[in-house]
Amino acid sequence: MTKTTIGVGILGAGHGLGYEHLFTHEVADLVTAIGAETQPSPSFGEALQVQHVLHAVEQSAGQNSIWTATSGSAGQPASTALQGLAGN
């Protein structure tokens, strides 16, 4: 996550942000990237990759924790599927 200016100066040094503040910063980073017409980070493609990994973890757990490969759309390797989404 990139550094944003939301809340700067509100909390003094040593004060941690709460769990809910993470989402405020994520939205600020997303909106900033959209406004700058740049790819947000993490991107939607990266989020899709995470979902493929989580799906593989669930499948593996149901099959005595065997190795389970991740896959993208239509059985493509996830990296190939992500290239199409990211415009690479």
N, C-alpha and C. Protein backbone atom coordinates (compact mmCIF):
# COMPACT_ATOMS: atom_id res chain seq x y z
N MET A 1 0.85 -1.17 0.00
CA MET A 1 0.00 0.00 0.00
C MET A 1 0.90 1.23 0.00
N THR A 2 0.50 2.22 -0.75
CA THR A 2 1.30 3.44 -0.82
C THR A 2 0.92 4.39 0.31
N LYS A 3 1.79 5.32 0.58
CA LYS A 3 1.54 6.30 1.64
C LYS A 3 0.55 7.35 1.13
N THR A 4 -0.44 7.66 1.94
CA THR A 4 -1.42 8.68 1.58
C THR A 4 -1.36 9.82 2.59
N THR A 5 -2.06 10.88 2.29
CA THR A 5 -2.06 12.03 3.20
C THR A 5 -3.27 12.04 4.11
N ILE A 6 -4.11 11.03 4.03
CA ILE A 6 -5.29 10.98 4.90
C ILE A 6 -4.84 10.84 6.34
N GLY A 7 -5.31 11.71 7.18
CA GLY A 7 -5.03 11.61 8.60
C GLY A 7 -3.66 12.07 9.03
N VAL A 8 -2.87 12.60 8.12
CA VAL A 8 -1.53 13.07 8.50
C VAL A 8 -1.67 14.20 9.50
N GLY A 9 -0.97 14.11 10.60
CA GLY A 9 -1.02 15.14 11.62
C GLY A 9 -2.11 14.93 12.66
N ILE A 10 -3.04 14.03 12.41
CA ILE A 10 -4.11 13.79 13.37
C ILE A 10 -3.59 12.94 14.53
N LEU A 11 -2.84 11.91 14.22
CA LEU A 11 -2.30 11.03 15.24
C LEU A 11 -0.83 11.36 15.45
N GLY A 12 -0.41 11.43 16.68
CA GLY A 12 0.98 11.70 16.99
C GLY A 12 1.85 10.48 16.75
N ALA A 13 3.15 10.65 16.86
CA ALA A 13 4.10 9.56 16.68
C ALA A 13 3.80 8.44 17.66
N GLY A 14 3.90 7.21 17.18
CA GLY A 14 3.70 6.05 18.03
C GLY A 14 2.26 5.58 18.13
N HIS A 15 1.34 6.30 17.53
CA HIS A 15 -0.06 5.88 17.55
C HIS A 15 -0.35 5.05 16.30
N GLY A 16 -0.76 3.83 16.52
CA GLY A 16 -1.07 2.95 15.40
C GLY A 16 -2.45 3.24 14.83
N LEU A 17 -2.61 2.85 13.60
CA LEU A 17 -3.92 2.97 12.97
C LEU A 17 -4.73 1.73 13.31
N GLY A 18 -6.02 1.88 13.40
CA GLY A 18 -6.90 0.76 13.63
C GLY A 18 -7.15 -0.02 12.36
N TYR A 19 -7.69 -1.21 12.50
CA TYR A 19 -7.99 -2.09 11.37
C TYR A 19 -8.85 -1.37 10.33
N GLU A 20 -9.84 -0.62 10.80
CA GLU A 20 -10.76 0.05 9.87
C GLU A 20 -10.07 1.14 9.06
N HIS A 21 -8.98 1.71 9.58
CA HIS A 21 -8.27 2.76 8.84
C HIS A 21 -7.60 2.22 7.59
N LEU A 22 -7.24 0.94 7.62
CA LEU A 22 -6.62 0.31 6.46
C LEU A 22 -7.51 0.48 5.23
N PHE A 23 -8.80 0.29 5.41
CA PHE A 23 -9.72 0.37 4.27
C PHE A 23 -9.84 1.80 3.75
N THR A 24 -9.78 2.76 4.63
CA THR A 24 -9.80 4.16 4.21
C THR A 24 -8.59 4.46 3.33
N HIS A 25 -7.43 3.98 3.74
CA HIS A 25 -6.22 4.20 2.97
C HIS A 25 -6.25 3.44 1.64
N GLU A 26 -6.80 2.23 1.65
CA GLU A 26 -6.91 1.47 0.40
C GLU A 26 -7.78 2.20 -0.61
N VAL A 27 -8.92 2.71 -0.17
CA VAL A 27 -9.81 3.45 -1.07
C VAL A 27 -9.13 4.72 -1.56
N ALA A 28 -8.43 5.42 -0.68
CA ALA A 28 -7.72 6.64 -1.08
C ALA A 28 -6.67 6.32 -2.14
N ASP A 29 -5.94 5.23 -1.96
CA ASP A 29 -4.93 4.84 -2.95
C ASP A 29 -5.59 4.49 -4.28
N LEU A 30 -6.70 3.77 -4.24
CA LEU A 30 -7.41 3.40 -5.46
C LEU A 30 -7.92 4.63 -6.20
N VAL A 31 -8.57 5.53 -5.49
CA VAL A 31 -9.12 6.74 -6.10
C VAL A 31 -7.99 7.62 -6.65
N THR A 32 -6.88 7.71 -5.93
CA THR A 32 -5.73 8.49 -6.40
C THR A 32 -5.18 7.91 -7.70
N ALA A 33 -5.05 6.60 -7.77
CA ALA A 33 -4.55 5.95 -8.99
C ALA A 33 -5.52 6.16 -10.16
N ILE A 34 -6.80 6.05 -9.91
CA ILE A 34 -7.79 6.27 -10.97
C ILE A 34 -7.70 7.70 -11.47
N GLY A 35 -7.60 8.65 -10.54
CA GLY A 35 -7.49 10.06 -10.92
C GLY A 35 -6.23 10.36 -11.71
N ALA A 36 -5.16 9.65 -11.39
CA ALA A 36 -3.88 9.85 -12.09
C ALA A 36 -3.78 8.99 -13.35
N GLU A 37 -4.82 8.21 -13.61
CA GLU A 37 -4.88 7.29 -14.75
C GLU A 37 -3.69 6.33 -14.75
N THR A 38 -3.36 5.81 -13.56
CA THR A 38 -2.31 4.81 -13.42
C THR A 38 -2.92 3.53 -12.86
N GLN A 39 -2.19 2.45 -12.98
CA GLN A 39 -2.64 1.16 -12.46
C GLN A 39 -2.57 1.19 -10.94
N PRO A 40 -3.67 0.92 -10.24
CA PRO A 40 -3.61 0.89 -8.78
C PRO A 40 -2.75 -0.28 -8.32
N SER A 41 -2.21 -0.14 -7.13
CA SER A 41 -1.42 -1.22 -6.56
C SER A 41 -1.83 -1.41 -5.11
N PRO A 42 -2.29 -2.57 -4.75
CA PRO A 42 -2.39 -3.75 -5.59
C PRO A 42 -3.49 -3.58 -6.63
N SER A 43 -3.31 -4.22 -7.76
CA SER A 43 -4.25 -4.09 -8.88
C SER A 43 -5.39 -5.10 -8.75
N PHE A 44 -6.38 -4.95 -9.59
CA PHE A 44 -7.47 -5.92 -9.62
C PHE A 44 -6.96 -7.27 -10.10
N GLY A 45 -5.99 -7.25 -11.00
CA GLY A 45 -5.37 -8.49 -11.46
C GLY A 45 -4.64 -9.21 -10.34
N GLU A 46 -3.95 -8.46 -9.50
CA GLU A 46 -3.27 -9.06 -8.35
C GLU A 46 -4.28 -9.63 -7.36
N ALA A 47 -5.40 -8.93 -7.20
CA ALA A 47 -6.46 -9.44 -6.32
C ALA A 47 -7.03 -10.74 -6.86
N LEU A 48 -7.16 -10.82 -8.19
CA LEU A 48 -7.64 -12.06 -8.80
C LEU A 48 -6.67 -13.20 -8.54
N GLN A 49 -5.38 -12.92 -8.64
CA GLN A 49 -4.37 -13.94 -8.35
C GLN A 49 -4.52 -14.44 -6.92
N VAL A 50 -4.75 -13.55 -5.98
CA VAL A 50 -4.95 -13.95 -4.58
C VAL A 50 -6.16 -14.88 -4.46
N GLN A 51 -7.23 -14.56 -5.17
CA GLN A 51 -8.42 -15.40 -5.13
C GLN A 51 -8.14 -16.80 -5.68
N HIS A 52 -7.33 -16.88 -6.74
CA HIS A 52 -6.95 -18.19 -7.28
C HIS A 52 -6.14 -18.98 -6.26
N VAL A 53 -5.25 -18.32 -5.56
CA VAL A 53 -4.45 -18.99 -4.52
C VAL A 53 -5.36 -19.48 -3.39
N LEU A 54 -6.27 -18.64 -2.94
CA LEU A 54 -7.19 -19.04 -1.87
C LEU A 54 -8.05 -20.23 -2.29
N HIS A 55 -8.47 -20.23 -3.55
CA HIS A 55 -9.27 -21.35 -4.06
C HIS A 55 -8.44 -22.64 -4.05
N ALA A 56 -7.17 -22.53 -4.48
CA ALA A 56 -6.29 -23.70 -4.47
C ALA A 56 -6.05 -24.20 -3.05
N VAL A 57 -5.93 -23.28 -2.10
CA VAL A 57 -5.74 -23.67 -0.69
C VAL A 57 -6.95 -24.46 -0.20
N GLU A 58 -8.15 -23.98 -0.54
CA GLU A 58 -9.37 -24.69 -0.12
C GLU A 58 -9.43 -26.07 -0.74
N GLN A 59 -9.08 -26.17 -2.03
CA GLN A 59 -9.10 -27.47 -2.69
C GLN A 59 -8.07 -28.41 -2.06
N SER A 60 -6.88 -27.90 -1.79
CA SER A 60 -5.83 -28.70 -1.20
C SER A 60 -6.23 -29.20 0.19
N ALA A 61 -6.83 -28.33 0.98
CA ALA A 61 -7.25 -28.71 2.34
C ALA A 61 -8.27 -29.84 2.31
N GLY A 62 -9.10 -29.85 1.29
CA GLY A 62 -10.11 -30.91 1.16
C GLY A 62 -9.56 -32.21 0.61
N GLN A 63 -8.28 -32.19 0.20
CA GLN A 63 -7.67 -33.39 -0.40
C GLN A 63 -6.37 -33.75 0.31
N ASN A 64 -6.41 -33.75 1.63
CA ASN A 64 -5.25 -34.11 2.46
C ASN A 64 -4.03 -33.24 2.19
N SER A 65 -4.26 -31.99 1.89
CA SER A 65 -3.20 -31.00 1.71
C SER A 65 -2.22 -31.34 0.59
N ILE A 66 -2.73 -31.93 -0.49
CA ILE A 66 -1.86 -32.21 -1.64
C ILE A 66 -1.58 -30.91 -2.39
N TRP A 67 -0.48 -30.90 -3.15
CA TRP A 67 -0.14 -29.73 -3.97
C TRP A 67 -1.27 -29.49 -4.97
N THR A 68 -1.74 -28.26 -5.04
CA THR A 68 -2.81 -27.89 -5.94
C THR A 68 -2.38 -26.65 -6.69
N ALA A 69 -2.27 -26.75 -8.00
CA ALA A 69 -1.84 -25.62 -8.82
C ALA A 69 -2.97 -24.60 -8.91
N THR A 70 -2.58 -23.34 -9.04
CA THR A 70 -3.57 -22.30 -9.29
C THR A 70 -3.81 -22.21 -10.78
N SER A 71 -4.98 -21.71 -11.16
CA SER A 71 -5.27 -21.54 -12.58
C SER A 71 -6.10 -20.30 -12.78
N GLY A 72 -5.99 -19.73 -13.95
CA GLY A 72 -6.77 -18.55 -14.31
C GLY A 72 -8.03 -18.97 -15.02
N SER A 73 -8.57 -18.08 -15.80
CA SER A 73 -9.80 -18.36 -16.52
C SER A 73 -9.56 -19.42 -17.59
N ALA A 74 -10.53 -20.25 -17.79
CA ALA A 74 -10.51 -21.31 -18.81
C ALA A 74 -9.30 -22.24 -18.67
N GLY A 75 -8.85 -22.46 -17.43
CA GLY A 75 -7.78 -23.39 -17.19
C GLY A 75 -6.39 -22.89 -17.54
N GLN A 76 -6.26 -21.62 -17.90
CA GLN A 76 -4.95 -21.06 -18.19
C GLN A 76 -4.16 -20.92 -16.89
N PRO A 77 -2.84 -20.97 -16.98
CA PRO A 77 -2.08 -20.61 -15.78
C PRO A 77 -2.45 -19.21 -15.35
N ALA A 78 -2.49 -18.97 -14.05
CA ALA A 78 -2.93 -17.67 -13.53
C ALA A 78 -2.11 -16.52 -14.11
N SER A 79 -0.80 -16.71 -14.29
CA SER A 79 0.02 -15.63 -14.82
C SER A 79 -0.42 -15.24 -16.22
N THR A 80 -0.83 -16.20 -17.04
CA THR A 80 -1.31 -15.91 -18.39
C THR A 80 -2.63 -15.16 -18.33
N ALA A 81 -3.52 -15.58 -17.45
CA ALA A 81 -4.81 -14.92 -17.31
C ALA A 81 -4.63 -13.49 -16.83
N LEU A 82 -3.68 -13.26 -15.92
CA LEU A 82 -3.43 -11.93 -15.41
C LEU A 82 -2.86 -11.00 -16.45
N GLN A 83 -2.03 -11.53 -17.36
CA GLN A 83 -1.48 -10.70 -18.41
C GLN A 83 -2.58 -10.07 -19.24
N GLY A 84 -3.63 -10.84 -19.51
CA GLY A 84 -4.75 -10.30 -20.28
C GLY A 84 -5.47 -9.21 -19.53
N LEU A 85 -5.60 -9.37 -18.21
CA LEU A 85 -6.29 -8.36 -17.40
C LEU A 85 -5.47 -7.09 -17.25
N ALA A 86 -4.17 -7.26 -17.08
CA ALA A 86 -3.32 -6.11 -16.83
C ALA A 86 -2.88 -5.41 -18.11
N GLY A 87 -3.20 -5.98 -19.26
CA GLY A 87 -2.82 -5.38 -20.51
C GLY A 87 -1.35 -5.56 -20.82
N ASN A 88 -0.71 -6.57 -20.22
CA ASN A 88 0.72 -6.83 -20.46
C ASN A 88 0.91 -7.60 -21.74
